[in-house]
Amino acid sequence: MFNRNRRGSEIGMKHLIGACLDLLYPRSCAGCDKPMGAEPGMLCWECRTGLRTIADPCCSKCGNPLEGRADHAYTCYHCVQLEPAFDIARSAVRFEGVAAELIHRFKYRQSLWLREELADWLAACVRVWYPDFHPDFVCPVPLYHARARERGYNQAALLAAELARRIRRPFWAGALVRTRPTETQTHLTARQRLSNVAQAFEAASPRRLNGRAALLVDDVMTTGATVSSCARALKAAGCSAVYVATLARGQ
């Protein structure tokens, strides 16, 4: 009872401090820059309701949403043809509109203050889609060292660390390493993407991975080639399962 009351007091104090700060420094929506009222987080209600979350019907393997109806579980053509190495992949929202803008700013413009808002999306995704999955660790898709130096941070690692804290699982930043640079995937076909990232990742410590289940985190998933290559490296090192969680699903 003491701990519960203490926790309630901490939450109440946090809300009080937040309300005082809102009075002193009025907040603006991260999506449209309009003044915010009592809305929680960093988005106004209009921008938040504009986010399109991923829901059924979707591919049972990669989570790619289906436009229309489906009366039964199905696996998309892409997964049937390319057989991704991960067990299941799911994304929080569609990569469009406000979601795409916030992710782009977080990834390329050093808007690291958006991490908590984006981590909220990831945590919700994991709780909805993976309620019975309890990973042994959470790890990010790694950047090649030259790109990491150029950007100054790995956005996937920041998200994975925050997600691990929220779901109370260990975070392992160096579970995977990227062994070679790869060109941007933006204008490549699905098969070209697979070839581009083939054998681009390896496990850093295979002995520690044997028999363990991983939750792999990235910002955006398009065809799934990158996370599939990562999952293949993790499983080659002995991982028993690799589930994927990403902020957004692109096209």
C-alpha atoms as a PDB file:
ATOM      1  CA  MET A   1       0.000   0.000   0.000  1.00  0.00           C
ATOM      2  CA  PHE A   2       2.829   2.370   0.819  1.00  0.00           C
ATOM      3  CA  ASN A   3       4.441   1.876  -2.587  1.00  0.00           C
ATOM      4  CA  ARG A   4       1.121   2.341  -4.378  1.00  0.00           C
ATOM      5  CA  ASN A   5       0.400   5.582  -2.553  1.00  0.00           C
ATOM      6  CA  ARG A   6       3.922   6.786  -3.195  1.00  0.00           C
ATOM      7  CA  ARG A   7       3.580   6.015  -6.886  1.00  0.00           C
ATOM      8  CA  GLY A   8       0.288   7.907  -7.003  1.00  0.00           C
ATOM      9  CA  SER A   9       1.889  10.914  -5.314  1.00  0.00           C
ATOM     10  CA  GLU A  10       4.746  10.885  -7.825  1.00  0.00           C
ATOM     11  CA  ILE A  11       2.316  10.831 -10.753  1.00  0.00           C
ATOM     12  CA  GLY A  12       0.263  13.636  -9.212  1.00  0.00           C
ATOM     13  CA  MET A  13       3.372  15.738  -8.667  1.00  0.00           C
ATOM     14  CA  LYS A  14       4.508  15.126 -12.238  1.00  0.00           C
ATOM     15  CA  HIS A  15       1.146  16.329 -13.564  1.00  0.00           C
ATOM     16  CA  LEU A  16       1.258  19.393 -11.304  1.00  0.00           C
ATOM     17  CA  ILE A  17       4.748  20.312 -12.494  1.00  0.00           C
ATOM     18  CA  GLY A  18       3.647  19.786 -16.106  1.00  0.00           C
ATOM     19  CA  ALA A  19       0.659  22.061 -15.626  1.00  0.00           C
ATOM     20  CA  CYS A  20       2.848  24.786 -14.096  1.00  0.00           C
ATOM     21  CA  LEU A  21       5.327  24.553 -16.960  1.00  0.00           C
ATOM     22  CA  ASP A  22       2.481  24.799 -19.481  1.00  0.00           C
ATOM     23  CA  LEU A  23       1.429  28.078 -17.860  1.00  0.00           C
ATOM     24  CA  LEU A  24       4.944  29.497 -17.909  1.00  0.00           C
ATOM     25  CA  TYR A  25       5.974  28.097 -21.286  1.00  0.00           C
ATOM     26  CA  PRO A  26       2.894  27.376 -23.458  1.00  0.00           C
ATOM     27  CA  ARG A  27       3.357  24.320 -25.618  1.00  0.00           C
ATOM     28  CA  SER A  28       2.996  24.119 -29.379  1.00  0.00           C
ATOM     29  CA  CYS A  29       1.969  20.998 -31.273  1.00  0.00           C
ATOM     30  CA  ALA A  30       4.943  19.159 -32.781  1.00  0.00           C
ATOM     31  CA  GLY A  31       2.842  18.406 -35.849  1.00  0.00           C
ATOM     32  CA  CYS A  32       1.135  21.685 -36.781  1.00  0.00           C
ATOM     33  CA  ASP A  33       2.851  24.163 -34.409  1.00  0.00           C
ATOM     34  CA  LYS A  34      -0.497  25.423 -33.094  1.00  0.00           C
ATOM     35  CA  PRO A  35      -0.847  26.219 -29.374  1.00  0.00           C
ATOM     36  CA  MET A  36      -1.850  23.220 -27.262  1.00  0.00           C
ATOM     37  CA  GLY A  37      -4.258  23.067 -24.360  1.00  0.00           C
ATOM     38  CA  ALA A  38      -4.525  20.198 -21.899  1.00  0.00           C
ATOM     39  CA  GLU A  39      -3.663  17.491 -24.436  1.00  0.00           C
ATOM     40  CA  PRO A  40      -1.033  15.023 -23.202  1.00  0.00           C
ATOM     41  CA  GLY A  41       2.100  14.372 -25.205  1.00  0.00           C
ATOM     42  CA  MET A  42       3.426  16.531 -28.016  1.00  0.00           C
ATOM     43  CA  LEU A  43       0.555  16.453 -30.513  1.00  0.00           C
ATOM     44  CA  CYS A  44      -2.757  18.299 -30.538  1.00  0.00           C
ATOM     45  CA  TRP A  45      -5.928  16.244 -30.766  1.00  0.00           C
ATOM     46  CA  GLU A  46      -6.339  17.043 -34.465  1.00  0.00           C
ATOM     47  CA  CYS A  47      -2.856  15.813 -35.382  1.00  0.00           C
ATOM     48  CA  ARG A  48      -3.135  12.797 -33.091  1.00  0.00           C
ATOM     49  CA  THR A  49      -6.427  11.690 -34.602  1.00  0.00           C
ATOM     50  CA  GLY A  50      -4.815  12.083 -38.025  1.00  0.00           C
ATOM     51  CA  LEU A  51      -2.363   9.272 -37.275  1.00  0.00           C
ATOM     52  CA  ARG A  52      -3.441   6.051 -38.979  1.00  0.00           C
ATOM     53  CA  THR A  53      -2.584   3.161 -36.701  1.00  0.00           C
ATOM     54  CA  ILE A  54      -1.919  -0.294 -38.109  1.00  0.00           C
ATOM     55  CA  ALA A  55      -4.760  -2.679 -37.325  1.00  0.00           C
ATOM     56  CA  ASP A  56      -6.314  -5.841 -38.712  1.00  0.00           C
ATOM     57  CA  PRO A  57      -6.602  -6.877 -41.426  1.00  0.00           C
ATOM     58  CA  CYS A  58      -2.874  -7.144 -42.060  1.00  0.00           C
ATOM     59  CA  CYS A  59      -0.343  -9.763 -43.076  1.00  0.00           C
ATOM     60  CA  SER A  60       0.096 -12.255 -40.240  1.00  0.00           C
ATOM     61  CA  LYS A  61       3.863 -12.284 -40.852  1.00  0.00           C
ATOM     62  CA  CYS A  62       5.014  -8.737 -41.638  1.00  0.00           C
ATOM     63  CA  GLY A  63       1.969  -6.718 -40.556  1.00  0.00           C
ATOM     64  CA  ASN A  64       1.528  -4.960 -43.893  1.00  0.00           C
ATOM     65  CA  PRO A  65      -2.024  -3.534 -43.776  1.00  0.00           C
ATOM     66  CA  LEU A  66      -4.588  -4.765 -46.250  1.00  0.00           C
ATOM     67  CA  GLU A  67      -6.839  -2.270 -47.972  1.00  0.00           C
ATOM     68  CA  GLY A  68     -10.279  -3.837 -47.697  1.00  0.00           C
ATOM     69  CA  ARG A  69     -11.622  -6.785 -45.737  1.00  0.00           C
ATOM     70  CA  ALA A  70     -10.239 -10.211 -44.873  1.00  0.00           C
ATOM     71  CA  ASP A  71     -12.296 -12.931 -43.208  1.00  0.00           C
ATOM     72  CA  HIS A  72      -9.292 -15.042 -42.198  1.00  0.00           C
ATOM     73  CA  ALA A  73      -5.598 -14.757 -41.377  1.00  0.00           C
ATOM     74  CA  TYR A  74      -3.417 -14.450 -44.442  1.00  0.00           C
ATOM     75  CA  THR A  75       0.225 -14.067 -45.463  1.00  0.00           C
ATOM     76  CA  CYS A  76       0.996 -11.446 -48.093  1.00  0.00           C
ATOM     77  CA  TYR A  77       2.528 -12.276 -51.466  1.00  0.00           C
ATOM     78  CA  HIS A  78       5.781 -10.536 -50.533  1.00  0.00           C
ATOM     79  CA  CYS A  79       6.316 -12.753 -47.447  1.00  0.00           C
ATOM     80  CA  VAL A  80       5.406 -15.922 -49.348  1.00  0.00           C
ATOM     81  CA  GLN A  81       7.934 -15.106 -52.062  1.00  0.00           C
ATOM     82  CA  LEU A  82      10.828 -13.718 -49.992  1.00  0.00           C
ATOM     83  CA  GLU A  83      10.386 -15.639 -46.714  1.00  0.00           C
ATOM     84  CA  PRO A  84      11.624 -13.044 -44.186  1.00  0.00           C
ATOM     85  CA  ALA A  85      13.757 -14.369 -41.344  1.00  0.00           C
ATOM     86  CA  PHE A  86      11.885 -12.650 -38.501  1.00  0.00           C
ATOM     87  CA  ASP A  87       9.006 -14.427 -36.758  1.00  0.00           C
ATOM     88  CA  ILE A  88       6.582 -11.510 -36.725  1.00  0.00           C
ATOM     89  CA  ALA A  89       6.852  -7.795 -37.535  1.00  0.00           C
ATOM     90  CA  ARG A  90       4.430  -5.062 -36.576  1.00  0.00           C
ATOM     91  CA  SER A  91       4.391  -1.273 -36.933  1.00  0.00           C
ATOM     92  CA  ALA A  92       2.590   1.378 -34.937  1.00  0.00           C
ATOM     93  CA  VAL A  93       1.352   3.748 -37.664  1.00  0.00           C
ATOM     94  CA  ARG A  94       1.454   4.330 -41.389  1.00  0.00           C
ATOM     95  CA  PHE A  95       4.368   6.364 -42.709  1.00  0.00           C
ATOM     96  CA  GLU A  96       2.455   9.388 -43.931  1.00  0.00           C
ATOM     97  CA  GLY A  97       1.455  12.902 -42.937  1.00  0.00           C
ATOM     98  CA  VAL A  98       2.373  14.002 -39.420  1.00  0.00           C
ATOM     99  CA  ALA A  99       3.924  10.628 -38.608  1.00  0.00           C
ATOM    100  CA  ALA A 100       6.329  10.826 -41.550  1.00  0.00           C
ATOM    101  CA  GLU A 101       7.239  14.423 -40.705  1.00  0.00           C
ATOM    102  CA  LEU A 102       8.009  13.689 -37.044  1.00  0.00           C
ATOM    103  CA  ILE A 103      10.066  10.598 -37.868  1.00  0.00           C
ATOM    104  CA  HIS A 104      12.015  12.488 -40.522  1.00  0.00           C
ATOM    105  CA  ARG A 105      12.786  15.298 -38.080  1.00  0.00           C
ATOM    106  CA  PHE A 106      13.837  12.832 -35.394  1.00  0.00           C
ATOM    107  CA  LYS A 107      16.045  10.883 -37.779  1.00  0.00           C
ATOM    108  CA  TYR A 108      17.676  13.587 -39.866  1.00  0.00           C
ATOM    109  CA  ARG A 109      17.245  16.928 -38.066  1.00  0.00           C
ATOM    110  CA  GLN A 110      18.379  15.943 -34.567  1.00  0.00           C
ATOM    111  CA  SER A 111      14.948  16.585 -33.046  1.00  0.00           C
ATOM    112  CA  LEU A 112      15.767  14.210 -30.219  1.00  0.00           C
ATOM    113  CA  TRP A 113      13.134  15.788 -27.984  1.00  0.00           C
ATOM    114  CA  LEU A 114      10.563  13.829 -30.025  1.00  0.00           C
ATOM    115  CA  ARG A 115      11.860  10.528 -28.628  1.00  0.00           C
ATOM    116  CA  GLU A 116       9.273  10.251 -25.844  1.00  0.00           C
ATOM    117  CA  GLU A 117       6.339  10.842 -28.183  1.00  0.00           C
ATOM    118  CA  LEU A 118       7.644   8.312 -30.704  1.00  0.00           C
ATOM    119  CA  ALA A 119       8.442   5.805 -27.957  1.00  0.00           C
ATOM    120  CA  ASP A 120       4.802   6.074 -26.865  1.00  0.00           C
ATOM    121  CA  TRP A 121       3.785   4.806 -30.297  1.00  0.00           C
ATOM    122  CA  LEU A 122       6.247   1.931 -30.141  1.00  0.00           C
ATOM    123  CA  ALA A 123       5.224   0.884 -26.641  1.00  0.00           C
ATOM    124  CA  ALA A 124       1.554   0.891 -27.661  1.00  0.00           C
ATOM    125  CA  CYS A 125       2.392  -1.223 -30.711  1.00  0.00           C
ATOM    126  CA  VAL A 126       4.202  -3.823 -28.593  1.00  0.00           C
ATOM    127  CA  ARG A 127       1.465  -3.990 -25.969  1.00  0.00           C
ATOM    128  CA  VAL A 128      -1.269  -4.429 -28.584  1.00  0.00           C
ATOM    129  CA  TRP A 129       0.441  -6.919 -30.885  1.00  0.00           C
ATOM    130  CA  TYR A 130       2.794  -8.793 -28.546  1.00  0.00           C
ATOM    131  CA  PRO A 131       0.944  -9.091 -25.210  1.00  0.00           C
ATOM    132  CA  ASP A 132       2.325 -12.576 -24.520  1.00  0.00           C
ATOM    133  CA  PHE A 133       5.843 -12.081 -25.886  1.00  0.00           C
ATOM    134  CA  HIS A 134       8.481 -11.474 -23.241  1.00  0.00           C
ATOM    135  CA  PRO A 135      11.811 -10.889 -25.019  1.00  0.00           C
ATOM    136  CA  ASP A 136      15.093 -11.553 -23.282  1.00  0.00           C
ATOM    137  CA  PHE A 137      16.390  -8.264 -24.677  1.00  0.00           C
ATOM    138  CA  VAL A 138      15.548  -5.324 -26.931  1.00  0.00           C
ATOM    139  CA  CYS A 139      18.060  -4.327 -29.615  1.00  0.00           C
ATOM    140  CA  PRO A 140      18.206  -1.784 -32.463  1.00  0.00           C
ATOM    141  CA  VAL A 141      19.034  -2.100 -36.134  1.00  0.00           C
ATOM    142  CA  PRO A 142      22.638  -0.806 -36.140  1.00  0.00           C
ATOM    143  CA  LEU A 143      24.125   1.922 -38.298  1.00  0.00           C
ATOM    144  CA  TYR A 144      27.416   1.518 -40.088  1.00  0.00           C
ATOM    145  CA  HIS A 145      30.075   3.256 -37.987  1.00  0.00           C
ATOM    146  CA  ALA A 146      30.819   5.936 -40.602  1.00  0.00           C
ATOM    147  CA  ARG A 147      27.159   6.916 -40.877  1.00  0.00           C
ATOM    148  CA  ALA A 148      26.763   6.893 -37.104  1.00  0.00           C
ATOM    149  CA  ARG A 149      29.674   9.335 -36.802  1.00  0.00           C
ATOM    150  CA  GLU A 150      28.205  11.540 -39.510  1.00  0.00           C
ATOM    151  CA  ARG A 151      24.709  11.635 -37.971  1.00  0.00           C
ATOM    152  CA  GLY A 152      25.924  11.694 -34.380  1.00  0.00           C
ATOM    153  CA  TYR A 153      23.418   9.120 -33.114  1.00  0.00           C
ATOM    154  CA  ASN A 154      21.472   6.029 -34.109  1.00  0.00           C
ATOM    155  CA  GLN A 155      17.761   6.856 -34.028  1.00  0.00           C
ATOM    156  CA  ALA A 156      16.831   3.166 -33.748  1.00  0.00           C
ATOM    157  CA  ALA A 157      19.067   2.773 -30.689  1.00  0.00           C
ATOM    158  CA  LEU A 158      17.479   5.768 -28.957  1.00  0.00           C
ATOM    159  CA  LEU A 159      14.015   4.353 -29.594  1.00  0.00           C
ATOM    160  CA  ALA A 160      14.979   0.822 -28.561  1.00  0.00           C
ATOM    161  CA  ALA A 161      16.496   2.035 -25.292  1.00  0.00           C
ATOM    162  CA  GLU A 162      13.379   4.011 -24.402  1.00  0.00           C
ATOM    163  CA  LEU A 163      11.098   1.123 -25.377  1.00  0.00           C
ATOM    164  CA  ALA A 164      13.123  -1.323 -23.273  1.00  0.00           C
ATOM    165  CA  ARG A 165      12.759   0.974 -20.270  1.00  0.00           C
ATOM    166  CA  ARG A 166       9.005   1.211 -20.726  1.00  0.00           C
ATOM    167  CA  ILE A 167       8.373  -2.515 -21.108  1.00  0.00           C
ATOM    168  CA  ARG A 168      11.002  -3.317 -18.466  1.00  0.00           C
ATOM    169  CA  ARG A 169      13.222  -5.544 -20.570  1.00  0.00           C
ATOM    170  CA  PRO A 170      17.031  -5.405 -20.937  1.00  0.00           C
ATOM    171  CA  PHE A 171      18.424  -3.160 -23.667  1.00  0.00           C
ATOM    172  CA  TRP A 172      21.363  -4.487 -25.678  1.00  0.00           C
ATOM    173  CA  ALA A 173      22.742  -1.794 -27.948  1.00  0.00           C
ATOM    174  CA  GLY A 174      25.526  -3.907 -29.428  1.00  0.00           C
ATOM    175  CA  ALA A 175      23.747  -7.192 -30.075  1.00  0.00           C
ATOM    176  CA  LEU A 176      24.240  -6.603 -33.811  1.00  0.00           C
ATOM    177  CA  VAL A 177      26.897  -4.829 -35.830  1.00  0.00           C
ATOM    178  CA  ARG A 178      26.702  -3.627 -39.418  1.00  0.00           C
ATOM    179  CA  THR A 179      29.701  -5.084 -41.219  1.00  0.00           C
ATOM    180  CA  ARG A 180      29.616  -2.972 -44.359  1.00  0.00           C
ATOM    181  CA  PRO A 181      28.003   0.210 -45.661  1.00  0.00           C
ATOM    182  CA  THR A 182      24.843  -0.125 -47.732  1.00  0.00           C
ATOM    183  CA  GLU A 183      23.299   2.312 -50.172  1.00  0.00           C
ATOM    184  CA  THR A 184      19.988   3.959 -49.364  1.00  0.00           C
ATOM    185  CA  GLN A 185      17.025   1.640 -49.955  1.00  0.00           C
ATOM    186  CA  THR A 186      14.635   4.380 -51.053  1.00  0.00           C
ATOM    187  CA  HIS A 187      14.615   3.759 -54.810  1.00  0.00           C
ATOM    188  CA  LEU A 188      15.328   0.006 -54.818  1.00  0.00           C
ATOM    189  CA  THR A 189      12.889  -2.802 -55.577  1.00  0.00           C
ATOM    190  CA  ALA A 190      12.096  -5.421 -52.947  1.00  0.00           C
ATOM    191  CA  ARG A 191      14.627  -7.908 -54.322  1.00  0.00           C
ATOM    192  CA  GLN A 192      17.265  -5.200 -54.762  1.00  0.00           C
ATOM    193  CA  ARG A 193      16.760  -4.230 -51.121  1.00  0.00           C
ATOM    194  CA  LEU A 194      17.328  -7.821 -50.043  1.00  0.00           C
ATOM    195  CA  SER A 195      20.528  -7.996 -52.062  1.00  0.00           C
ATOM    196  CA  ASN A 196      21.672  -4.608 -50.769  1.00  0.00           C
ATOM    197  CA  VAL A 197      21.532  -5.676 -47.107  1.00  0.00           C
ATOM    198  CA  ALA A 198      22.405  -9.351 -47.535  1.00  0.00           C
ATOM    199  CA  GLN A 199      25.073 -10.358 -44.992  1.00  0.00           C
ATOM    200  CA  ALA A 200      25.407  -6.728 -43.902  1.00  0.00           C
ATOM    201  CA  PHE A 201      24.870  -7.640 -40.234  1.00  0.00           C
ATOM    202  CA  GLU A 202      26.370 -10.070 -37.786  1.00  0.00           C
ATOM    203  CA  ALA A 203      25.906 -10.902 -34.131  1.00  0.00           C
ATOM    204  CA  ALA A 204      28.466  -9.341 -31.832  1.00  0.00           C
ATOM    205  CA  SER A 205      28.421 -12.085 -29.190  1.00  0.00           C
ATOM    206  CA  PRO A 206      26.840 -15.349 -30.414  1.00  0.00           C
ATOM    207  CA  ARG A 207      27.390 -17.177 -27.108  1.00  0.00           C
ATOM    208  CA  ARG A 208      25.174 -14.681 -25.300  1.00  0.00           C
ATOM    209  CA  LEU A 209      22.430 -14.994 -27.914  1.00  0.00           C
ATOM    210  CA  ASN A 210      21.953 -18.747 -27.914  1.00  0.00           C
ATOM    211  CA  GLY A 211      18.385 -19.660 -26.988  1.00  0.00           C
ATOM    212  CA  ARG A 212      17.321 -16.071 -26.305  1.00  0.00           C
ATOM    213  CA  ALA A 213      14.369 -14.187 -27.758  1.00  0.00           C
ATOM    214  CA  ALA A 214      14.948 -10.734 -29.257  1.00  0.00           C
ATOM    215  CA  LEU A 215      12.752  -7.720 -29.893  1.00  0.00           C
ATOM    216  CA  LEU A 216      14.331  -5.841 -32.807  1.00  0.00           C
ATOM    217  CA  VAL A 217      13.529  -2.132 -33.197  1.00  0.00           C
ATOM    218  CA  ASP A 218      13.768   0.247 -36.165  1.00  0.00           C
ATOM    219  CA  ASP A 219      12.102   3.485 -37.206  1.00  0.00           C
ATOM    220  CA  VAL A 220      10.456   2.639 -40.555  1.00  0.00           C
ATOM    221  CA  MET A 221       9.770  -0.683 -42.253  1.00  0.00           C
ATOM    222  CA  THR A 222       9.066  -0.791 -45.980  1.00  0.00           C
ATOM    223  CA  THR A 223       9.689  -4.213 -47.520  1.00  0.00           C
ATOM    224  CA  GLY A 224      11.292  -5.550 -44.349  1.00  0.00           C
ATOM    225  CA  ALA A 225      14.598  -6.393 -46.060  1.00  0.00           C
ATOM    226  CA  THR A 226      16.733  -4.699 -43.390  1.00  0.00           C
ATOM    227  CA  VAL A 227      15.009  -6.197 -40.356  1.00  0.00           C
ATOM    228  CA  SER A 228      14.920  -9.590 -42.083  1.00  0.00           C
ATOM    229  CA  SER A 229      18.689  -9.462 -42.625  1.00  0.00           C
ATOM    230  CA  CYS A 230      19.160  -8.523 -38.964  1.00  0.00           C
ATOM    231  CA  ALA A 231      16.871 -11.352 -37.861  1.00  0.00           C
ATOM    232  CA  ARG A 232      18.804 -13.816 -39.984  1.00  0.00           C
ATOM    233  CA  ALA A 233      22.049 -12.811 -38.265  1.00  0.00           C
ATOM    234  CA  LEU A 234      20.462 -13.103 -34.820  1.00  0.00           C
ATOM    235  CA  LYS A 235      19.040 -16.546 -35.578  1.00  0.00           C
ATOM    236  CA  ALA A 236      22.310 -17.725 -37.092  1.00  0.00           C
ATOM    237  CA  ALA A 237      23.863 -16.883 -33.717  1.00  0.00           C
ATOM    238  CA  GLY A 238      21.262 -18.992 -31.910  1.00  0.00           C
ATOM    239  CA  CYS A 239      18.337 -16.673 -31.126  1.00  0.00           C
ATOM    240  CA  SER A 240      15.168 -18.675 -30.564  1.00  0.00           C
ATOM    241  CA  ALA A 241      12.829 -15.940 -31.801  1.00  0.00           C
ATOM    242  CA  VAL A 242      13.054 -12.476 -33.352  1.00  0.00           C
ATOM    243  CA  TYR A 243      10.042 -10.184 -33.208  1.00  0.00           C
ATOM    244  CA  VAL A 244      10.186  -6.769 -34.877  1.00  0.00           C
ATOM    245  CA  ALA A 245       8.624  -3.470 -33.782  1.00  0.00           C
ATOM    246  CA  THR A 246       8.887  -0.324 -35.893  1.00  0.00           C
ATOM    247  CA  LEU A 247       7.366   3.122 -35.614  1.00  0.00           C
ATOM    248  CA  ALA A 248       5.874   3.195 -39.072  1.00  0.00           C
ATOM    249  CA  ARG A 249       5.132   1.130 -42.130  1.00  0.00           C
ATOM    250  CA  GLY A 250       6.012   2.721 -45.458  1.00  0.00           C
ATOM    251  CA  GLN A 251       5.412   1.824 -49.081  1.00  0.00           C
END
